[in-house]
Amino acid sequence: MHSSVEAGAAACGLLPAGLSASIAAGPDGPNEGSSDMTNTAGTERAPGGAARRVLVVEDEMLIGMLLEDMLGDLGHSVVAVVPRVNEALTRIKNKDFDLAILDVHLNGQSVFPVADSLIEQGIPFMFATGYGERGLPDNYRGRPILQKPFAKDDLERVLQEVAV
């Protein structure tokens, strides 16, 4: 799309990195007063520059989508959102992710067999729960917890805790 105005021009286009727009408002064409406003929303660098591949184990589709968006905004990628324990255990065998976010209750099942498998593999994870640490058995207390409901800042803080 291209639009022209007297003594200036505007252009925008879709690039792999996002929306690109150029505005030339000066009387001498695009060089005077031009501005490149490439929008790279969703491509922020992860804290410390370390983008991570994340497995999300969550049975609520909207929460899974929210996590996927927030993680993308923070510079990470989601390899999968899986709603069931058996699917999560299968994904762990693939070893195609760096960390996991585990909803504690999945369709009436506890996620603890997944947590145990992650511990055995040495893969870091956090629990996502509305019950806090008191909703976890003693052997899982002290693990990072993303308290529901959560905001992007909460997710970023717990991601940094998992990195330690």
Protein backbone atom coordinates (compact mmCIF):
# COMPACT_ATOMS: atom_id res chain seq x y z
CA MET A 1 0.00 0.00 0.00
CA HIS A 2 1.33 3.43 -0.90
CA SER A 3 -0.18 6.82 -0.23
CA SER A 4 1.12 10.22 -1.26
CA VAL A 5 0.43 13.67 0.10
CA GLU A 6 1.64 17.03 -1.13
CA ALA A 7 5.36 17.51 -0.26
CA GLY A 8 5.72 14.05 1.26
CA ALA A 9 4.87 10.38 1.01
CA ALA A 10 3.92 7.42 3.16
CA ALA A 11 4.41 3.72 2.55
CA CYS A 12 3.85 0.61 4.58
CA GLY A 13 4.41 -3.07 4.02
CA LEU A 14 4.45 -6.38 5.78
CA LEU A 15 7.94 -7.79 6.37
CA PRO A 16 8.96 -11.05 8.11
CA ALA A 17 9.91 -8.97 11.17
CA GLY A 18 6.53 -7.19 11.26
CA LEU A 19 4.87 -4.11 9.87
CA SER A 20 7.17 -1.57 8.22
CA ALA A 21 6.15 2.03 7.61
CA SER A 22 7.99 4.98 6.11
CA ILE A 23 6.78 8.55 6.27
CA ALA A 24 8.40 11.36 4.31
CA ALA A 25 7.02 14.71 5.38
CA GLY A 26 9.72 17.05 4.08
CA PRO A 27 9.40 19.15 0.93
CA ASP A 28 12.42 17.48 -0.69
CA GLY A 29 11.13 13.91 -0.78
CA PRO A 30 11.74 10.84 1.29
CA ASN A 31 15.19 11.76 2.63
CA GLU A 32 14.16 14.80 4.63
CA GLY A 33 12.04 14.08 7.66
CA SER A 34 11.63 10.40 6.86
CA SER A 35 11.20 7.86 9.60
CA ASP A 36 11.46 4.10 9.59
CA MET A 37 8.93 2.69 12.02
CA THR A 38 9.43 -1.04 11.76
CA ASN A 39 7.23 -2.71 14.35
CA THR A 40 8.88 -5.76 15.79
CA ALA A 41 6.18 -6.55 18.36
CA GLY A 42 6.62 -10.05 19.66
CA THR A 43 10.32 -10.11 18.82
CA GLU A 44 11.73 -8.59 22.02
CA ARG A 45 14.91 -10.18 23.27
CA ALA A 46 14.56 -12.56 26.17
CA PRO A 47 16.11 -11.49 29.49
CA GLY A 48 19.86 -11.93 29.27
CA GLY A 49 19.53 -12.51 25.51
CA ALA A 50 18.65 -16.19 26.03
CA ALA A 51 15.56 -17.10 24.06
CA ARG A 52 14.11 -20.36 25.34
CA ARG A 53 11.96 -23.09 23.86
CA VAL A 54 9.08 -23.75 26.23
CA LEU A 55 6.71 -26.69 26.63
CA VAL A 56 3.38 -25.53 28.08
CA VAL A 57 1.37 -28.25 29.83
CA GLU A 58 -2.06 -26.68 30.27
CA ASP A 59 -5.60 -27.98 29.72
CA GLU A 60 -7.34 -24.59 29.53
CA MET A 61 -6.98 -23.50 25.91
CA LEU A 62 -7.26 -19.77 26.65
CA ILE A 63 -4.55 -19.90 29.31
CA GLY A 64 -2.33 -21.85 26.91
CA MET A 65 -2.86 -19.20 24.23
CA LEU A 66 -2.20 -16.42 26.76
CA LEU A 67 1.06 -18.08 27.81
CA GLU A 68 2.06 -18.53 24.18
CA ASP A 69 1.49 -14.83 23.48
CA MET A 70 3.26 -13.66 26.63
CA LEU A 71 6.24 -15.94 26.05
CA GLY A 72 6.49 -14.67 22.46
CA ASP A 73 6.40 -11.08 23.71
CA LEU A 74 9.25 -11.94 26.07
CA GLY A 75 11.36 -13.39 23.23
CA HIS A 76 10.73 -17.09 23.84
CA SER A 77 9.03 -19.70 21.67
CA VAL A 78 6.47 -22.32 22.60
CA VAL A 79 7.20 -25.75 21.11
CA ALA A 80 3.77 -27.09 22.09
CA VAL A 81 0.79 -26.58 24.35
CA VAL A 82 -0.33 -30.01 25.54
CA PRO A 83 -3.45 -30.62 27.67
CA ARG A 84 -2.82 -34.15 28.93
CA VAL A 85 -0.25 -35.93 31.08
CA ASN A 86 0.43 -38.68 28.51
CA GLU A 87 1.07 -36.09 25.76
CA ALA A 88 3.47 -34.20 28.02
CA LEU A 89 5.38 -37.38 28.86
CA THR A 90 5.71 -38.11 25.13
CA ARG A 91 7.02 -34.56 24.48
CA ILE A 92 9.65 -34.97 27.19
CA LYS A 93 11.11 -37.90 25.23
CA ASN A 94 11.61 -35.56 22.23
CA LYS A 95 13.88 -33.28 24.28
CA ASP A 96 13.01 -30.35 22.01
CA PHE A 97 12.49 -27.72 24.72
CA ASP A 98 14.52 -25.93 27.38
CA LEU A 99 11.94 -25.58 30.14
CA ALA A 100 8.32 -26.36 30.92
CA ILE A 101 5.35 -24.63 32.49
CA LEU A 102 3.06 -27.13 34.24
CA ASP A 103 -0.55 -26.57 35.22
CA VAL A 104 -0.96 -28.65 38.39
CA HIS A 105 -4.35 -30.15 37.46
CA LEU A 106 -4.99 -31.44 33.93
CA ASN A 107 -8.47 -32.74 33.14
CA GLY A 108 -8.77 -34.31 36.59
CA GLN A 109 -5.20 -35.69 36.63
CA SER A 110 -2.26 -34.33 38.59
CA VAL A 111 0.77 -33.21 36.61
CA PHE A 112 3.24 -34.71 39.09
CA PRO A 113 4.32 -37.66 36.86
CA VAL A 114 5.38 -35.01 34.32
CA ALA A 115 7.26 -33.08 37.02
CA ASP A 116 9.02 -36.28 38.09
CA SER A 117 10.09 -37.01 34.52
CA LEU A 118 11.41 -33.46 34.10
CA ILE A 119 13.38 -33.79 37.34
CA GLU A 120 14.88 -37.08 36.12
CA GLN A 121 15.88 -35.44 32.81
CA GLY A 122 17.28 -32.34 34.53
CA ILE A 123 14.87 -30.04 32.65
CA PRO A 124 13.83 -26.92 34.58
CA PHE A 125 10.13 -26.19 35.08
CA MET A 126 7.65 -24.09 36.97
CA PHE A 127 4.21 -24.91 38.26
CA ALA A 128 1.26 -22.74 37.23
CA THR A 129 -1.46 -22.87 39.87
CA GLY A 130 -4.03 -20.79 41.67
CA TYR A 131 -3.34 -22.62 44.93
CA GLY A 132 0.24 -21.44 45.46
CA GLU A 133 2.84 -23.58 47.20
CA ARG A 134 0.27 -24.91 49.69
CA GLY A 135 -1.39 -26.76 46.80
CA LEU A 136 1.76 -28.80 46.16
CA PRO A 137 2.94 -31.97 47.91
CA ASP A 138 5.93 -31.41 50.21
CA ASN A 139 8.46 -32.90 47.76
CA TYR A 140 7.62 -30.19 45.17
CA ARG A 141 7.65 -27.22 47.51
CA GLY A 142 10.38 -24.73 46.77
CA ARG A 143 9.92 -25.16 43.00
CA PRO A 144 9.16 -21.96 41.04
CA ILE A 145 5.44 -21.15 40.94
CA LEU A 146 3.55 -18.95 38.51
CA GLN A 147 0.57 -17.92 40.64
CA LYS A 148 -2.73 -17.78 38.72
CA PRO A 149 -4.04 -15.32 37.76
CA PHE A 150 -0.82 -13.88 36.37
CA ALA A 151 0.44 -10.98 34.26
CA LYS A 152 3.36 -10.87 31.84
CA ASP A 153 5.58 -9.30 34.53
CA ASP A 154 4.84 -12.26 36.82
CA LEU A 155 5.77 -14.70 34.07
CA GLU A 156 9.00 -12.82 33.34
CA ARG A 157 9.96 -12.83 37.04
CA VAL A 158 9.39 -16.59 37.40
CA LEU A 159 11.25 -17.27 34.14
CA GLN A 160 14.26 -15.48 35.62
CA GLU A 161 13.91 -17.59 38.78
CA VAL A 162 13.90 -20.78 36.68
CA ALA A 163 17.08 -19.59 34.93
CA VAL A 164 19.02 -19.48 38.21
